[in-house]
N, C-alpha and C. Protein backbone atom coordinates (compact mmCIF):
# COMPACT_ATOMS: atom_id res chain seq x y z
N MET A 1 9.18 -9.98 40.01
CA MET A 1 9.21 -8.65 40.58
C MET A 1 9.31 -7.58 39.47
N LEU A 2 10.09 -7.87 38.45
CA LEU A 2 10.24 -6.93 37.36
C LEU A 2 8.91 -6.69 36.65
N ALA A 3 8.12 -7.76 36.48
CA ALA A 3 6.83 -7.62 35.82
C ALA A 3 5.86 -6.79 36.66
N ILE A 4 5.94 -6.93 37.97
CA ILE A 4 5.11 -6.10 38.86
C ILE A 4 5.53 -4.64 38.73
N GLN A 5 6.82 -4.38 38.64
CA GLN A 5 7.30 -3.01 38.43
C GLN A 5 6.79 -2.48 37.09
N ALA A 6 6.79 -3.33 36.08
CA ALA A 6 6.30 -2.92 34.77
C ALA A 6 4.80 -2.59 34.82
N LEU A 7 4.04 -3.39 35.54
CA LEU A 7 2.61 -3.12 35.68
C LEU A 7 2.38 -1.82 36.44
N ALA A 8 3.15 -1.60 37.48
CA ALA A 8 3.04 -0.34 38.24
C ALA A 8 3.40 0.85 37.35
N PHE A 9 4.39 0.68 36.50
CA PHE A 9 4.79 1.73 35.56
C PHE A 9 3.63 2.07 34.63
N LEU A 10 2.96 1.05 34.11
CA LEU A 10 1.80 1.29 33.24
C LEU A 10 0.68 1.98 34.01
N ALA A 11 0.43 1.50 35.22
CA ALA A 11 -0.69 2.02 36.01
C ALA A 11 -0.46 3.46 36.47
N ALA A 12 0.78 3.89 36.52
CA ALA A 12 1.10 5.23 37.01
C ALA A 12 0.72 6.33 36.02
N ASP A 13 0.45 5.96 34.80
CA ASP A 13 0.12 6.96 33.77
C ASP A 13 -1.18 6.54 33.08
N PRO A 14 -2.22 7.34 33.19
CA PRO A 14 -3.51 6.96 32.60
C PRO A 14 -3.44 6.64 31.11
N GLU A 15 -2.66 7.36 30.36
CA GLU A 15 -2.56 7.11 28.92
C GLU A 15 -1.92 5.74 28.64
N ARG A 16 -0.84 5.44 29.35
CA ARG A 16 -0.19 4.13 29.18
C ARG A 16 -1.14 3.01 29.61
N LEU A 17 -1.79 3.20 30.74
CA LEU A 17 -2.70 2.17 31.25
C LEU A 17 -3.88 1.96 30.31
N ASN A 18 -4.47 3.03 29.82
CA ASN A 18 -5.61 2.91 28.92
C ASN A 18 -5.25 2.17 27.64
N ARG A 19 -4.06 2.45 27.11
CA ARG A 19 -3.62 1.75 25.89
C ARG A 19 -3.48 0.25 26.17
N PHE A 20 -2.87 -0.08 27.30
CA PHE A 20 -2.71 -1.49 27.67
C PHE A 20 -4.07 -2.16 27.85
N LEU A 21 -4.98 -1.49 28.53
CA LEU A 21 -6.31 -2.05 28.75
C LEU A 21 -7.05 -2.26 27.43
N GLU A 22 -6.92 -1.30 26.52
CA GLU A 22 -7.57 -1.44 25.21
C GLU A 22 -7.03 -2.65 24.46
N LEU A 23 -5.72 -2.85 24.52
CA LEU A 23 -5.11 -3.98 23.80
C LEU A 23 -5.45 -5.32 24.42
N THR A 24 -5.60 -5.37 25.73
CA THR A 24 -5.89 -6.63 26.41
C THR A 24 -7.37 -6.92 26.53
N GLY A 25 -8.19 -5.88 26.47
CA GLY A 25 -9.62 -6.05 26.66
C GLY A 25 -10.02 -6.11 28.12
N LEU A 26 -9.07 -5.86 29.01
CA LEU A 26 -9.36 -5.86 30.45
C LEU A 26 -9.97 -4.55 30.89
N GLY A 27 -10.68 -4.61 31.99
CA GLY A 27 -11.13 -3.42 32.66
C GLY A 27 -10.23 -3.18 33.86
N VAL A 28 -10.24 -1.98 34.38
CA VAL A 28 -9.40 -1.64 35.52
C VAL A 28 -9.66 -2.60 36.68
N ASP A 29 -10.90 -2.95 36.90
CA ASP A 29 -11.26 -3.82 38.02
C ASP A 29 -10.77 -5.26 37.84
N GLU A 30 -10.40 -5.64 36.65
CA GLU A 30 -9.93 -7.00 36.38
C GLU A 30 -8.43 -7.18 36.53
N ILE A 31 -7.70 -6.08 36.59
CA ILE A 31 -6.23 -6.16 36.63
C ILE A 31 -5.73 -6.87 37.89
N ARG A 32 -6.31 -6.58 39.02
CA ARG A 32 -5.84 -7.18 40.27
C ARG A 32 -5.87 -8.70 40.20
N ALA A 33 -6.96 -9.26 39.73
CA ALA A 33 -7.05 -10.73 39.62
C ALA A 33 -6.07 -11.25 38.58
N ALA A 34 -5.97 -10.57 37.45
CA ALA A 34 -5.07 -11.01 36.38
C ALA A 34 -3.61 -10.94 36.81
N ALA A 35 -3.28 -9.97 37.66
CA ALA A 35 -1.89 -9.76 38.07
C ALA A 35 -1.32 -10.92 38.88
N SER A 36 -2.17 -11.81 39.33
CA SER A 36 -1.67 -12.98 40.06
C SER A 36 -1.30 -14.12 39.12
N GLU A 37 -1.56 -13.95 37.83
CA GLU A 37 -1.28 -14.98 36.84
C GLU A 37 0.07 -14.71 36.17
N PRO A 38 0.99 -15.67 36.24
CA PRO A 38 2.30 -15.46 35.62
C PRO A 38 2.23 -15.12 34.13
N HIS A 39 1.28 -15.72 33.41
CA HIS A 39 1.20 -15.45 31.98
C HIS A 39 0.70 -14.04 31.70
N PHE A 40 -0.12 -13.49 32.57
CA PHE A 40 -0.52 -12.09 32.44
C PHE A 40 0.69 -11.19 32.65
N LEU A 41 1.47 -11.48 33.68
CA LEU A 41 2.66 -10.68 33.94
C LEU A 41 3.65 -10.77 32.78
N ALA A 42 3.73 -11.93 32.16
CA ALA A 42 4.56 -12.07 30.96
C ALA A 42 4.03 -11.17 29.84
N ALA A 43 2.71 -11.09 29.73
CA ALA A 43 2.10 -10.22 28.71
C ALA A 43 2.41 -8.75 28.98
N VAL A 44 2.49 -8.38 30.24
CA VAL A 44 2.86 -7.00 30.59
C VAL A 44 4.27 -6.71 30.08
N LEU A 45 5.19 -7.64 30.31
CA LEU A 45 6.56 -7.46 29.82
C LEU A 45 6.61 -7.45 28.30
N ASP A 46 5.82 -8.30 27.67
CA ASP A 46 5.75 -8.31 26.20
C ASP A 46 5.27 -6.96 25.68
N HIS A 47 4.29 -6.41 26.35
CA HIS A 47 3.73 -5.12 25.95
C HIS A 47 4.79 -4.03 26.02
N ILE A 48 5.51 -3.98 27.10
CA ILE A 48 6.53 -2.95 27.27
C ILE A 48 7.69 -3.17 26.30
N ALA A 49 8.13 -4.39 26.17
CA ALA A 49 9.27 -4.68 25.29
C ALA A 49 8.91 -4.53 23.81
N GLY A 50 7.63 -4.62 23.50
CA GLY A 50 7.20 -4.58 22.11
C GLY A 50 7.04 -3.20 21.51
N TYR A 51 7.25 -2.17 22.30
CA TYR A 51 7.09 -0.80 21.81
C TYR A 51 8.26 0.02 22.34
N GLU A 52 9.22 0.28 21.47
CA GLU A 52 10.49 0.87 21.90
C GLU A 52 10.35 2.16 22.70
N PRO A 53 9.51 3.11 22.30
CA PRO A 53 9.39 4.32 23.13
C PRO A 53 8.92 4.01 24.56
N LEU A 54 8.01 3.07 24.69
CA LEU A 54 7.53 2.67 26.01
C LEU A 54 8.65 1.99 26.79
N LEU A 55 9.39 1.13 26.14
CA LEU A 55 10.53 0.47 26.77
C LEU A 55 11.57 1.48 27.25
N ARG A 56 11.88 2.45 26.43
CA ARG A 56 12.85 3.49 26.82
C ARG A 56 12.35 4.26 28.04
N ASP A 57 11.08 4.61 28.04
CA ASP A 57 10.52 5.33 29.20
C ASP A 57 10.58 4.47 30.45
N PHE A 58 10.26 3.18 30.32
CA PHE A 58 10.27 2.27 31.46
C PHE A 58 11.66 2.15 32.05
N VAL A 59 12.66 1.91 31.23
CA VAL A 59 14.01 1.74 31.78
C VAL A 59 14.56 3.05 32.32
N ALA A 60 14.18 4.16 31.71
CA ALA A 60 14.64 5.45 32.22
C ALA A 60 14.02 5.77 33.58
N GLU A 61 12.74 5.46 33.71
CA GLU A 61 12.03 5.77 34.95
C GLU A 61 12.39 4.83 36.10
N THR A 62 12.67 3.58 35.77
CA THR A 62 12.91 2.59 36.81
C THR A 62 14.39 2.24 36.99
N ASP A 63 15.23 2.69 36.07
CA ASP A 63 16.66 2.39 36.09
C ASP A 63 16.93 0.88 36.02
N ILE A 64 16.07 0.19 35.29
CA ILE A 64 16.21 -1.25 35.08
C ILE A 64 16.99 -1.48 33.79
N ASP A 65 17.88 -2.46 33.82
CA ASP A 65 18.63 -2.83 32.63
C ASP A 65 17.67 -3.45 31.62
N PRO A 66 17.56 -2.89 30.42
CA PRO A 66 16.62 -3.45 29.44
C PRO A 66 16.94 -4.90 29.07
N LEU A 67 18.18 -5.31 29.26
CA LEU A 67 18.54 -6.70 28.97
C LEU A 67 18.00 -7.68 29.99
N SER A 68 17.47 -7.18 31.10
CA SER A 68 16.90 -8.06 32.12
C SER A 68 15.45 -8.43 31.81
N ILE A 69 14.84 -7.76 30.86
CA ILE A 69 13.43 -8.01 30.56
C ILE A 69 13.21 -9.37 29.91
N ALA A 70 14.03 -9.74 28.95
CA ALA A 70 13.85 -11.03 28.26
C ALA A 70 14.00 -12.21 29.22
N PRO A 71 15.02 -12.25 30.09
CA PRO A 71 15.10 -13.36 31.03
C PRO A 71 13.92 -13.40 32.01
N ALA A 72 13.46 -12.22 32.44
CA ALA A 72 12.30 -12.17 33.34
C ALA A 72 11.07 -12.71 32.62
N ARG A 73 10.93 -12.35 31.36
CA ARG A 73 9.80 -12.83 30.56
C ARG A 73 9.86 -14.34 30.42
N ALA A 74 11.04 -14.86 30.14
CA ALA A 74 11.22 -16.30 29.97
C ALA A 74 10.91 -17.06 31.27
N ALA A 75 11.25 -16.47 32.39
CA ALA A 75 11.01 -17.11 33.68
C ALA A 75 9.52 -17.25 33.98
N LEU A 76 8.71 -16.41 33.37
CA LEU A 76 7.27 -16.45 33.60
C LEU A 76 6.56 -17.49 32.74
N GLY A 77 7.27 -18.10 31.82
CA GLY A 77 6.68 -19.16 31.01
C GLY A 77 6.43 -18.73 29.58
N SER A 78 6.22 -19.72 28.75
CA SER A 78 6.08 -19.44 27.32
C SER A 78 4.63 -19.38 26.85
N LYS A 79 3.71 -19.80 27.69
CA LYS A 79 2.30 -19.77 27.30
C LYS A 79 1.83 -18.32 27.22
N ASN A 80 1.09 -18.01 26.16
CA ASN A 80 0.55 -16.66 26.01
C ASN A 80 -0.68 -16.50 26.89
N TRP A 81 -0.84 -15.30 27.43
CA TRP A 81 -1.99 -15.01 28.27
C TRP A 81 -3.16 -14.61 27.39
N GLU A 82 -4.33 -15.13 27.74
CA GLU A 82 -5.56 -14.73 27.07
C GLU A 82 -6.59 -14.39 28.11
N ARG A 83 -7.28 -13.31 27.88
CA ARG A 83 -8.33 -12.88 28.80
C ARG A 83 -9.45 -13.90 28.77
N GLU A 84 -9.89 -14.30 29.97
CA GLU A 84 -11.03 -15.20 30.05
C GLU A 84 -12.30 -14.40 29.85
N VAL A 85 -13.12 -14.85 28.98
CA VAL A 85 -14.38 -14.18 28.70
C VAL A 85 -15.50 -14.98 29.35
N PRO A 86 -16.27 -14.31 30.24
CA PRO A 86 -17.36 -15.03 30.92
C PRO A 86 -18.44 -15.49 29.97
């Protein structure tokens, strides 16, 4: 659930979303399918946790304890997500 909130947080701001899309290589139309994959959701949490200003904005906007991100990330698995290229 936390990862879905993180994805919604990114999607709510075009600048944040565009940066995430550029880093992942995804298009807007591909997010819905990717969002059903636990490793993609883990990548969303990695993205937010990996950039302190973004993390601060996320916890301020959602009132989520930043210490809850690492356990949520761990629960999604350790395999890294990679975009499938057709």
